[in-house]
Amino acid sequence: MNTEYLESFVAAVDCGSLAEAARRLDVTAAALAARVHALETDLGMQLLKRAGRVVKATEAGLKILEPARALLRDERNLRVIASDGARVGELRLGAFVSALTNVLPPVLKNLYARYPELALFITPGASVELCRKVGSGELDAAVVVEPQFAIRKTCEWRPFLDEPLVVVAPAAMAGRDAHEVLRNEPFIRYERSVLGGQLADRYLRDHQIHPHQRLEIDGLLAIAALVDQGIGVSLLPDWVSLWSSGMALARLPLPGRAPVRRSGLIWASNGPHASLARDFFEEAQTIFGTARPVARGASRGG
């Protein structure tokens, strides 16, 4: 069985489109469709079904999807092991959304200086889901917000960045008391489905602050844009990209010691790219280096 056919099938399911899958694999849509058809002929079953321009896995396709992913991972791992360090290979890296703009660019700049031939496949997503994918072997490593649960023993977690919560307000409110602003100004809540939003919600409850909520939304830049328009204030991690966005914002520090959103790297400690993942962490630690270390393989609440 040609693994290119399996790769084309998996890409088509992941993208939901033959055209998008073809772009990802750098082939024509006709070539990708031919590969999937050849795989279907080889297996004697239909694997994809069309609904307009969207493609989905059939029941038979769903049955082979995860085994196909595993086989493709094993093939990549085998090639890395066989190369015996002769080439770096492809690092499959996940990152939560805000890390795509403030963590990845400076770290990858340094990593590419060390490994010019490095190939990466980046998967954005929520931290909880990215941790699961690293644990299952779908990803080699991921930049995530600190797990609030026990990670698998096969994985390693190391922090490298602490971002304390701050009140983000229109520039005209600079110098005002953070708690007074939270209690009296319209509030834009960072969505509680993400860990940073949960951290902010816990802080408000712990300090018995009941803001006048206008809306709840995910996306730090989206919230910053709303604050810039005077729609409300918010309680967010002190994300560096907020202050380089060109928006008229004020940073109001919380009194005392503020809770922090801790970010770091989780990786498969015995995977074929474990050494490369550690190199990524070391570069991140050098650039940011604001998080206290934790024990190997441990997860810390907070």
Protein backbone atom coordinates (compact mmCIF):
# COMPACT_ATOMS: atom_id res chain seq x y z
CA MET A 1 0.00 0.00 0.00
CA ASN A 2 1.34 3.41 -0.99
CA THR A 3 1.48 5.65 2.08
CA GLU A 4 0.98 8.71 -0.15
CA TYR A 5 -2.55 7.41 -0.76
CA LEU A 6 -3.18 7.19 2.99
CA GLU A 7 -1.72 10.66 3.49
CA SER A 8 -4.05 12.06 0.81
CA PHE A 9 -7.08 10.41 2.42
CA VAL A 10 -6.23 11.73 5.89
CA ALA A 11 -5.55 15.23 4.55
CA ALA A 12 -8.88 15.25 2.71
CA VAL A 13 -10.74 14.33 5.92
CA ASP A 14 -8.84 16.87 8.01
CA CYS A 15 -9.39 19.70 5.51
CA GLY A 16 -12.92 18.74 4.49
CA SER A 17 -11.98 19.65 0.94
CA LEU A 18 -10.00 17.93 -1.82
CA ALA A 19 -8.77 21.28 -3.10
CA GLU A 20 -7.51 22.39 0.33
CA ALA A 21 -5.91 19.00 0.98
CA ALA A 22 -4.17 19.21 -2.40
CA ARG A 23 -2.77 22.65 -1.50
CA ARG A 24 -1.52 21.31 1.82
CA LEU A 25 0.26 18.40 0.12
CA ASP A 26 1.43 20.53 -2.84
CA VAL A 27 -0.24 18.40 -5.51
CA THR A 28 -3.08 19.03 -7.93
CA ALA A 29 -6.64 18.31 -6.84
CA ALA A 30 -6.91 15.77 -9.66
CA ALA A 31 -3.79 13.94 -8.45
CA LEU A 32 -5.08 13.86 -4.88
CA ALA A 33 -8.48 12.56 -6.00
CA ALA A 34 -6.73 9.87 -8.02
CA ARG A 35 -4.73 8.78 -4.97
CA VAL A 36 -7.84 8.48 -2.83
CA HIS A 37 -9.61 6.55 -5.59
CA ALA A 38 -6.64 4.17 -5.86
CA LEU A 39 -6.78 3.60 -2.09
CA GLU A 40 -10.51 2.92 -2.26
CA THR A 41 -9.93 0.43 -5.09
CA ASP A 42 -7.14 -1.27 -3.13
CA LEU A 43 -9.29 -1.62 -0.01
CA GLY A 44 -12.52 -2.34 -1.89
CA MET A 45 -14.58 0.30 -0.06
CA GLN A 46 -15.67 3.91 -0.41
CA LEU A 47 -13.79 6.13 2.02
CA LEU A 48 -15.04 9.63 1.19
CA LYS A 49 -18.44 11.09 0.41
CA ARG A 50 -19.20 14.51 -1.08
CA ALA A 51 -21.74 17.07 0.10
CA GLY A 52 -21.37 19.95 -2.34
CA ARG A 53 -17.75 21.08 -2.13
CA VAL A 54 -17.27 19.44 1.26
CA VAL A 55 -15.92 15.91 1.65
CA LYS A 56 -16.40 13.72 4.70
CA ALA A 57 -15.29 10.24 5.68
CA THR A 58 -17.78 7.45 5.16
CA GLU A 59 -18.44 4.95 7.94
CA ALA A 60 -15.71 2.74 6.46
CA GLY A 61 -13.40 5.75 6.19
CA LEU A 62 -13.90 6.62 9.85
CA LYS A 63 -12.95 3.07 10.82
CA ILE A 64 -9.54 3.31 9.14
CA LEU A 65 -8.86 6.99 9.91
CA GLU A 66 -7.00 6.61 13.22
CA PRO A 67 -5.08 3.47 12.11
CA ALA A 68 -4.06 5.43 9.01
CA ARG A 69 -2.81 8.32 11.15
CA ALA A 70 -0.85 5.88 13.31
CA LEU A 71 0.73 4.23 10.27
CA LEU A 72 1.78 7.60 8.86
CA ARG A 73 3.28 8.61 12.22
CA ASP A 74 5.19 5.35 12.40
CA GLU A 75 6.54 5.90 8.90
CA ARG A 76 7.77 9.40 9.77
CA ASN A 77 9.32 8.14 12.99
CA LEU A 78 11.04 5.30 11.16
CA ARG A 79 12.58 7.70 8.67
CA VAL A 80 13.89 9.91 11.46
CA ILE A 81 15.38 6.93 13.33
CA ALA A 82 16.92 5.53 10.13
CA SER A 83 18.51 8.88 9.30
CA ASP A 84 20.52 8.59 12.58
CA GLY A 85 20.67 12.34 12.95
CA ALA A 86 21.62 12.97 9.32
CA ARG A 87 18.58 15.23 8.93
CA VAL A 88 16.25 16.95 11.33
CA GLY A 89 12.97 15.83 9.77
CA GLU A 90 9.50 17.30 10.32
CA LEU A 91 8.38 18.54 13.72
CA ARG A 92 4.62 18.43 14.19
CA LEU A 93 4.00 21.30 16.60
CA GLY A 94 0.79 22.58 18.16
CA ALA A 95 0.20 26.04 19.62
CA PHE A 96 -2.70 27.78 21.33
CA VAL A 97 -3.94 30.76 19.34
CA SER A 98 -2.27 33.72 21.07
CA ALA A 99 1.06 31.85 21.14
CA LEU A 100 1.08 31.86 17.33
CA THR A 101 1.98 35.54 17.30
CA ASN A 102 4.11 36.14 20.39
CA VAL A 103 5.88 32.82 21.03
CA LEU A 104 6.41 31.09 17.70
CA PRO A 105 8.03 33.88 15.62
CA PRO A 106 11.04 34.64 17.88
CA VAL A 107 11.57 31.00 18.88
CA LEU A 108 11.38 29.69 15.32
CA LYS A 109 13.73 32.42 14.13
CA ASN A 110 16.41 31.09 16.48
CA LEU A 111 15.56 27.44 15.80
CA TYR A 112 15.87 27.88 12.04
CA ALA A 113 19.26 29.52 12.57
CA ARG A 114 20.36 26.24 14.19
CA TYR A 115 18.48 23.91 11.82
CA PRO A 116 18.02 25.53 8.38
CA GLU A 117 16.55 22.29 6.97
CA LEU A 118 13.92 21.97 9.68
CA ALA A 119 10.37 21.36 8.43
CA LEU A 120 7.41 22.14 10.64
CA PHE A 121 3.71 21.39 10.52
CA ILE A 122 1.83 23.79 12.81
CA THR A 123 -1.54 22.91 14.33
CA PRO A 124 -3.40 25.70 16.19
CA GLY A 125 -5.96 24.76 18.81
CA ALA A 126 -7.10 24.84 22.42
CA SER A 127 -4.51 23.81 25.00
CA VAL A 128 -6.50 20.86 26.35
CA GLU A 129 -6.94 19.35 22.90
CA LEU A 130 -3.29 19.95 22.00
CA CYS A 131 -2.17 18.13 25.15
CA ARG A 132 -4.35 15.20 24.13
CA LYS A 133 -2.80 15.13 20.66
CA VAL A 134 0.72 15.10 22.07
CA GLY A 135 -0.25 12.27 24.42
CA SER A 136 -1.74 10.24 21.56
CA GLY A 137 1.24 10.82 19.27
CA GLU A 138 -0.61 13.01 16.74
CA LEU A 139 1.77 15.87 17.60
CA ASP A 140 5.42 15.81 18.67
CA ALA A 141 5.07 18.85 20.93
CA ALA A 142 2.78 21.79 21.65
CA VAL A 143 2.94 25.27 23.16
CA VAL A 144 0.10 25.26 25.68
CA VAL A 145 -1.25 27.03 28.73
CA GLU A 146 -0.26 25.07 31.83
CA PRO A 147 -2.33 21.87 32.04
CA GLN A 148 -4.80 21.82 34.91
CA PHE A 149 -4.78 18.01 34.95
CA ALA A 150 -2.23 15.22 35.21
CA ILE A 151 -0.39 14.75 31.93
CA ARG A 152 0.59 11.33 30.59
CA LYS A 153 3.74 9.78 32.00
CA THR A 154 5.10 9.57 28.44
CA CYS A 155 5.01 13.37 28.18
CA GLU A 156 7.12 16.15 29.63
CA TRP A 157 5.90 19.66 30.47
CA ARG A 158 8.15 22.67 31.06
CA PRO A 159 7.02 26.30 31.56
CA PHE A 160 8.82 29.28 30.06
CA LEU A 161 6.44 32.26 30.19
CA ASP A 162 4.30 33.86 32.92
CA GLU A 163 1.74 36.50 31.93
CA PRO A 164 0.05 38.14 34.96
CA LEU A 165 -3.57 39.19 34.71
CA VAL A 166 -4.08 42.92 34.11
CA VAL A 167 -7.07 45.12 33.47
CA VAL A 168 -7.08 46.29 29.85
CA ALA A 169 -8.95 49.58 29.50
CA PRO A 170 -9.24 52.50 27.06
CA ALA A 171 -6.21 54.78 27.21
CA ALA A 172 -8.27 57.56 28.83
CA MET A 173 -8.62 55.38 31.97
CA ALA A 174 -4.87 55.18 32.60
CA GLY A 175 -4.01 55.57 36.28
CA ARG A 176 -7.37 54.47 37.67
CA ASP A 177 -7.67 51.72 40.27
CA ALA A 178 -8.06 48.30 38.64
CA HIS A 179 -10.75 47.01 41.00
CA GLU A 180 -12.73 50.25 40.80
CA VAL A 181 -12.71 50.01 37.00
CA LEU A 182 -13.82 46.38 37.06
CA ARG A 183 -16.71 47.16 39.39
CA ASN A 184 -18.00 50.26 37.59
CA GLU A 185 -17.21 50.04 33.88
CA PRO A 186 -18.93 47.82 31.27
CA PHE A 187 -17.08 44.50 31.13
CA ILE A 188 -15.95 42.31 28.25
CA ARG A 189 -15.36 38.80 29.57
CA TYR A 190 -12.58 36.57 28.23
CA GLU A 191 -14.41 33.37 27.34
CA ARG A 192 -14.46 30.88 30.21
CA SER A 193 -13.98 27.86 27.94
CA VAL A 194 -10.26 28.76 27.72
CA LEU A 195 -7.90 28.56 30.66
CA GLY A 196 -7.04 32.27 30.65
CA GLY A 197 -10.73 33.10 30.88
CA GLN A 198 -11.18 30.64 33.74
CA LEU A 199 -8.30 32.28 35.58
CA ALA A 200 -9.90 35.71 35.20
CA ASP A 201 -13.30 34.40 36.30
CA ARG A 202 -11.77 32.85 39.42
CA TYR A 203 -10.05 36.13 40.31
CA LEU A 204 -13.30 38.07 40.05
CA ARG A 205 -15.15 35.59 42.23
CA ASP A 206 -12.35 35.43 44.82
CA HIS A 207 -12.44 39.25 45.17
CA GLN A 208 -16.25 39.43 45.07
CA ILE A 209 -16.21 41.62 41.98
CA HIS A 210 -19.41 41.40 39.94
CA PRO A 211 -18.79 43.39 36.76
CA HIS A 212 -21.50 44.72 34.45
CA GLN A 213 -20.90 42.24 31.64
CA ARG A 214 -21.70 43.29 28.10
CA LEU A 215 -20.41 40.25 26.24
CA GLU A 216 -18.21 37.18 26.47
CA ILE A 217 -15.83 36.35 23.65
CA ASP A 218 -12.66 34.39 22.89
CA GLY A 219 -9.66 36.05 21.22
CA LEU A 220 -7.36 38.52 22.93
CA LEU A 221 -6.96 40.81 19.93
CA ALA A 222 -10.72 40.82 19.38
CA ILE A 223 -11.25 41.91 22.99
CA ALA A 224 -8.53 44.56 22.67
CA ALA A 225 -10.25 45.97 19.58
CA LEU A 226 -13.53 46.23 21.49
CA VAL A 227 -11.79 47.96 24.40
CA ASP A 228 -10.11 50.34 21.94
CA GLN A 229 -13.59 51.34 20.72
CA GLY A 230 -14.70 52.16 24.26
CA ILE A 231 -17.16 49.28 24.50
CA GLY A 232 -15.82 48.09 27.84
CA VAL A 233 -12.84 46.93 29.89
CA SER A 234 -11.48 43.43 30.35
CA LEU A 235 -9.33 41.25 32.60
CA LEU A 236 -6.70 39.51 30.47
CA PRO A 237 -3.25 37.97 30.56
CA ASP A 238 -0.57 40.62 30.00
CA TRP A 239 0.00 39.49 26.41
CA VAL A 240 2.81 41.43 24.72
CA SER A 241 0.97 41.66 21.38
CA LEU A 242 -1.74 43.80 23.01
CA TRP A 243 0.69 46.65 23.49
CA SER A 244 2.25 46.48 20.05
CA SER A 245 -1.10 46.46 18.25
CA GLY A 246 -1.29 50.23 17.82
CA MET A 247 -4.56 50.44 19.76
CA ALA A 248 -5.14 53.08 22.44
CA LEU A 249 -5.10 50.86 25.51
CA ALA A 250 -4.15 51.29 29.16
CA ARG A 251 -2.65 48.57 31.33
CA LEU A 252 -4.00 48.70 34.89
CA PRO A 253 -2.10 46.35 37.24
CA LEU A 254 -4.03 44.40 39.85
CA PRO A 255 -3.26 45.16 43.50
CA GLY A 256 -0.95 42.70 45.19
CA ARG A 257 0.26 39.56 43.49
CA ALA A 258 -1.74 38.92 40.32
CA PRO A 259 -2.54 35.40 39.08
CA VAL A 260 -0.56 34.39 36.01
CA ARG A 261 -1.31 32.55 32.82
CA ARG A 262 1.64 30.17 32.58
CA SER A 263 2.64 28.91 29.16
CA GLY A 264 5.15 26.25 28.24
CA LEU A 265 5.92 23.26 26.07
CA ILE A 266 4.61 19.72 26.33
CA TRP A 267 6.29 17.00 24.30
CA ALA A 268 6.55 13.23 23.97
CA SER A 269 9.65 12.58 26.07
CA ASN A 270 10.57 9.36 24.24
CA GLY A 271 9.39 10.39 20.78
CA PRO A 272 11.66 10.57 17.73
CA HIS A 273 11.68 14.38 17.92
CA ALA A 274 12.15 14.69 21.69
CA SER A 275 15.62 16.20 21.25
CA LEU A 276 14.29 18.80 18.82
CA ALA A 277 11.41 19.59 21.19
CA ARG A 278 13.90 20.18 23.99
CA ASP A 279 15.84 22.52 21.71
CA PHE A 280 12.60 24.44 21.08
CA PHE A 281 12.01 24.71 24.83
CA GLU A 282 15.56 25.92 25.47
CA GLU A 283 15.17 28.67 22.86
CA ALA A 284 11.84 29.72 24.39
CA GLN A 285 13.34 29.68 27.89
CA THR A 286 16.20 31.89 26.69
CA ILE A 287 13.85 34.40 25.04
CA PHE A 288 11.14 34.57 27.71
CA GLY A 289 12.45 32.85 30.83
CA THR A 290 9.88 34.28 33.26
CA ALA A 291 8.39 31.02 34.55
CA ARG A 292 9.65 29.08 37.54
CA PRO A 293 10.72 25.51 36.73
CA VAL A 294 8.61 22.51 37.69
CA ALA A 295 9.52 18.92 38.28
CA ARG A 296 10.04 16.70 35.24
CA GLY A 297 6.78 15.25 33.96
CA ALA A 298 4.72 17.12 36.56
CA SER A 299 1.73 19.38 36.15
CA ARG A 300 1.06 22.31 38.43
CA GLY A 301 -2.38 23.72 39.17
CA GLY A 302 -3.25 27.39 39.17
